[in-house]
Amino acid sequence: MTAQLFRIEPAMPPHMYKTYAMVSPLSTHARQATCEEVGCDQYRQGWRVHVEALAPDLVHAARTSGRRYREEHVAEGQTYLVFEAGQPCFKASTHRAPIGRPPLYLVRDGDYRGNPRGTKARLHATADHWVEDFAEHQQALADEIKKG
C-alpha cells in the first residue's frame, strides 16, 4: 500500500504561484561511485538471493557474476545464494556520489499542478540572488494582502 500525499487545496490557480527549488541533477552533480563509497548495506553485510523467486536467467546471471557466494538449501523451495560482504552488489552500477558542485537555484512559474503559461524557469547565479528573489516575492504578496 502506498501512502497518499496530503496537499492543501490551493486557493488560486497555478499561474498565480511561483515555485522555488534548489536542485542537484544526477547528470551534472554526481558521479558513479562504488558500493564502499556510498556505504552500501549489501557490500558491508553481504546479501542473499532466493533462487526459487527468480527467473532462471537471473539465477544464471547471479551464479556467473563472478561474485563469491555459497548455496544454502533451507527447505524444499527455499534455496538461497548467499553472497559474502566486501564485494560489489548487483546494483553497484547505479550508485552515485556528489561531486561537490553547488545546487542550481531555480524559480518556476506555477506550482505542483504545472506552469500553465509555459514560461522558462529562471536560473539564479547565486544562492543570495535566489533568496533575494524569494524575499521580494514574499514582500509583493504581503503588499497585495495589505491592499485587501
Protein backbone atom coordinates (compact mmCIF):
# COMPACT_ATOMS: atom_id res chain seq x y z
CA MET A 1 0.00 0.00 0.00
CA THR A 2 1.39 3.40 -0.94
CA ALA A 3 0.81 6.45 1.23
CA GLN A 4 -1.27 9.23 -0.25
CA LEU A 5 0.38 12.62 -0.45
CA PHE A 6 -1.56 15.20 1.55
CA ARG A 7 -1.77 18.64 -0.04
CA ILE A 8 -3.81 21.61 0.99
CA GLU A 9 -6.04 22.64 -1.90
CA PRO A 10 -4.56 25.83 -3.38
CA ALA A 11 -6.70 28.95 -3.10
CA MET A 12 -5.67 30.29 -6.52
CA PRO A 13 -5.00 28.93 -9.99
CA PRO A 14 -1.44 27.68 -10.76
CA HIS A 15 -0.41 30.76 -12.75
CA MET A 16 -0.69 32.80 -9.56
CA TYR A 17 2.12 30.85 -7.87
CA LYS A 18 5.90 30.64 -8.05
CA THR A 19 7.93 27.58 -7.12
CA TYR A 20 11.40 28.00 -5.63
CA ALA A 21 13.71 25.00 -5.83
CA MET A 22 17.32 24.03 -5.28
CA VAL A 23 18.14 21.04 -7.46
CA SER A 24 21.20 18.88 -7.98
CA PRO A 25 20.57 16.70 -11.04
CA LEU A 26 22.47 13.43 -11.02
CA SER A 27 23.68 14.06 -14.56
CA THR A 28 25.60 17.20 -13.56
CA HIS A 29 26.08 16.95 -9.81
CA ALA A 30 27.07 13.33 -9.20
CA ARG A 31 29.42 10.66 -10.46
CA GLN A 32 29.32 6.90 -10.44
CA ALA A 33 30.53 5.58 -7.10
CA THR A 34 31.49 2.26 -5.58
CA CYS A 35 29.49 0.33 -3.03
CA GLU A 36 32.15 1.13 -0.45
CA GLU A 37 31.96 4.90 -1.12
CA VAL A 38 28.19 5.05 -0.64
CA GLY A 39 28.10 2.75 2.40
CA CYS A 40 26.04 0.10 0.59
CA ASP A 41 24.48 -2.29 3.14
CA GLN A 42 24.87 -5.28 0.83
CA TYR A 43 28.57 -4.51 0.37
CA ARG A 44 29.07 -4.13 4.12
CA GLN A 45 26.93 -7.04 5.32
CA GLY A 46 26.55 -9.37 2.35
CA TRP A 47 23.20 -10.43 0.94
CA ARG A 48 21.21 -13.40 -0.20
CA VAL A 49 19.06 -14.20 -3.19
CA HIS A 50 16.07 -16.54 -3.06
CA VAL A 51 16.69 -18.85 -6.03
CA GLU A 52 13.10 -20.06 -6.49
CA ALA A 53 11.80 -16.48 -6.55
CA LEU A 54 13.93 -15.54 -9.56
CA ALA A 55 13.59 -16.24 -13.26
CA PRO A 56 16.13 -18.82 -14.49
CA ASP A 57 18.09 -16.21 -16.46
CA LEU A 58 18.53 -14.08 -13.31
CA VAL A 59 19.67 -17.10 -11.29
CA HIS A 60 22.19 -17.87 -14.03
CA ALA A 61 23.37 -14.24 -14.04
CA ALA A 62 23.80 -14.29 -10.25
CA ARG A 63 25.74 -17.57 -10.33
CA THR A 64 28.03 -16.42 -13.14
CA SER A 65 28.51 -12.82 -11.94
CA GLY A 66 31.99 -13.51 -10.60
CA ARG A 67 30.91 -12.69 -7.06
CA ARG A 68 31.72 -15.08 -4.21
CA TYR A 69 28.71 -16.96 -2.83
CA ARG A 70 27.64 -20.20 -1.22
CA GLU A 71 24.44 -22.06 -1.94
CA GLU A 72 22.22 -22.64 1.09
CA HIS A 73 19.32 -25.10 0.94
CA VAL A 74 16.97 -24.36 3.86
CA ALA A 75 13.92 -26.42 2.89
CA GLU A 76 12.03 -27.54 -0.19
CA GLY A 77 11.61 -24.44 -2.37
CA GLN A 78 13.93 -22.38 -0.18
CA THR A 79 17.35 -22.27 -1.73
CA TYR A 80 19.48 -19.17 -1.36
CA LEU A 81 22.64 -17.87 -2.92
CA VAL A 82 24.43 -16.19 -0.02
CA PHE A 83 26.90 -13.54 -1.17
CA GLU A 84 29.66 -12.56 1.23
CA ALA A 85 30.36 -9.00 2.30
CA GLY A 86 33.08 -6.88 0.72
CA GLN A 87 32.10 -7.26 -2.92
CA PRO A 88 30.02 -5.10 -5.26
CA CYS A 89 26.26 -5.61 -5.03
CA PHE A 90 24.06 -6.19 -8.08
CA LYS A 91 23.07 -2.51 -8.15
CA ALA A 92 26.65 -1.20 -7.99
CA SER A 93 26.36 0.48 -11.38
CA THR A 94 23.57 2.72 -10.05
CA HIS A 95 25.46 4.07 -7.02
CA ARG A 96 26.17 7.82 -7.21
CA ALA A 97 28.20 10.24 -5.11
CA PRO A 98 28.01 14.05 -5.15
CA ILE A 99 30.87 15.88 -6.84
CA GLY A 100 30.63 18.98 -4.65
CA ARG A 101 29.02 21.27 -7.21
CA PRO A 102 26.61 23.79 -5.69
CA PRO A 103 22.93 23.23 -6.45
CA LEU A 104 21.03 25.05 -9.17
CA TYR A 105 18.80 27.81 -7.79
CA LEU A 106 15.57 27.83 -9.79
CA VAL A 107 12.36 29.83 -9.81
CA ARG A 108 9.46 28.50 -11.86
CA ASP A 109 6.07 29.97 -12.54
CA GLY A 110 3.24 27.78 -11.29
CA ASP A 111 3.09 25.11 -8.63
CA TYR A 112 2.86 21.32 -8.45
CA ARG A 113 -0.11 21.45 -10.86
CA GLY A 114 2.11 22.86 -13.57
CA ASN A 115 3.17 26.02 -15.35
CA PRO A 116 0.13 26.98 -17.46
CA ARG A 117 1.89 29.89 -19.17
CA GLY A 118 4.80 27.65 -20.16
CA THR A 119 7.37 30.21 -19.07
CA LYS A 120 11.00 29.18 -18.79
CA ALA A 121 12.44 28.64 -15.31
CA ARG A 122 14.78 31.35 -14.06
CA LEU A 123 18.22 30.15 -13.01
CA HIS A 124 19.90 32.32 -10.38
CA ALA A 125 23.70 32.53 -10.38
CA THR A 126 23.98 32.50 -6.58
CA ALA A 127 22.03 31.47 -3.52
CA ASP A 128 21.95 35.12 -2.45
CA HIS A 129 20.14 36.17 -5.64
CA TRP A 130 17.68 33.29 -5.22
CA VAL A 131 16.96 34.28 -1.60
CA GLU A 132 16.56 37.93 -2.64
CA ASP A 133 14.05 36.91 -5.35
CA PHE A 134 12.14 34.89 -2.78
CA ALA A 135 12.09 37.78 -0.29
CA GLU A 136 10.88 40.22 -2.96
CA HIS A 137 8.12 37.81 -3.94
CA GLN A 138 7.03 37.43 -0.32
CA GLN A 139 7.00 41.19 0.10
CA ALA A 140 4.88 41.60 -3.04
CA LEU A 141 2.39 39.07 -1.64
CA ALA A 142 2.31 40.85 1.72
CA ASP A 143 1.71 44.18 -0.03
CA GLU A 144 -1.21 42.68 -2.02
CA ILE A 145 -2.73 41.23 1.15
CA LYS A 146 -2.46 44.64 2.86
CA LYS A 147 -4.34 46.27 -0.02
CA GLY A 148 -7.19 43.88 0.57
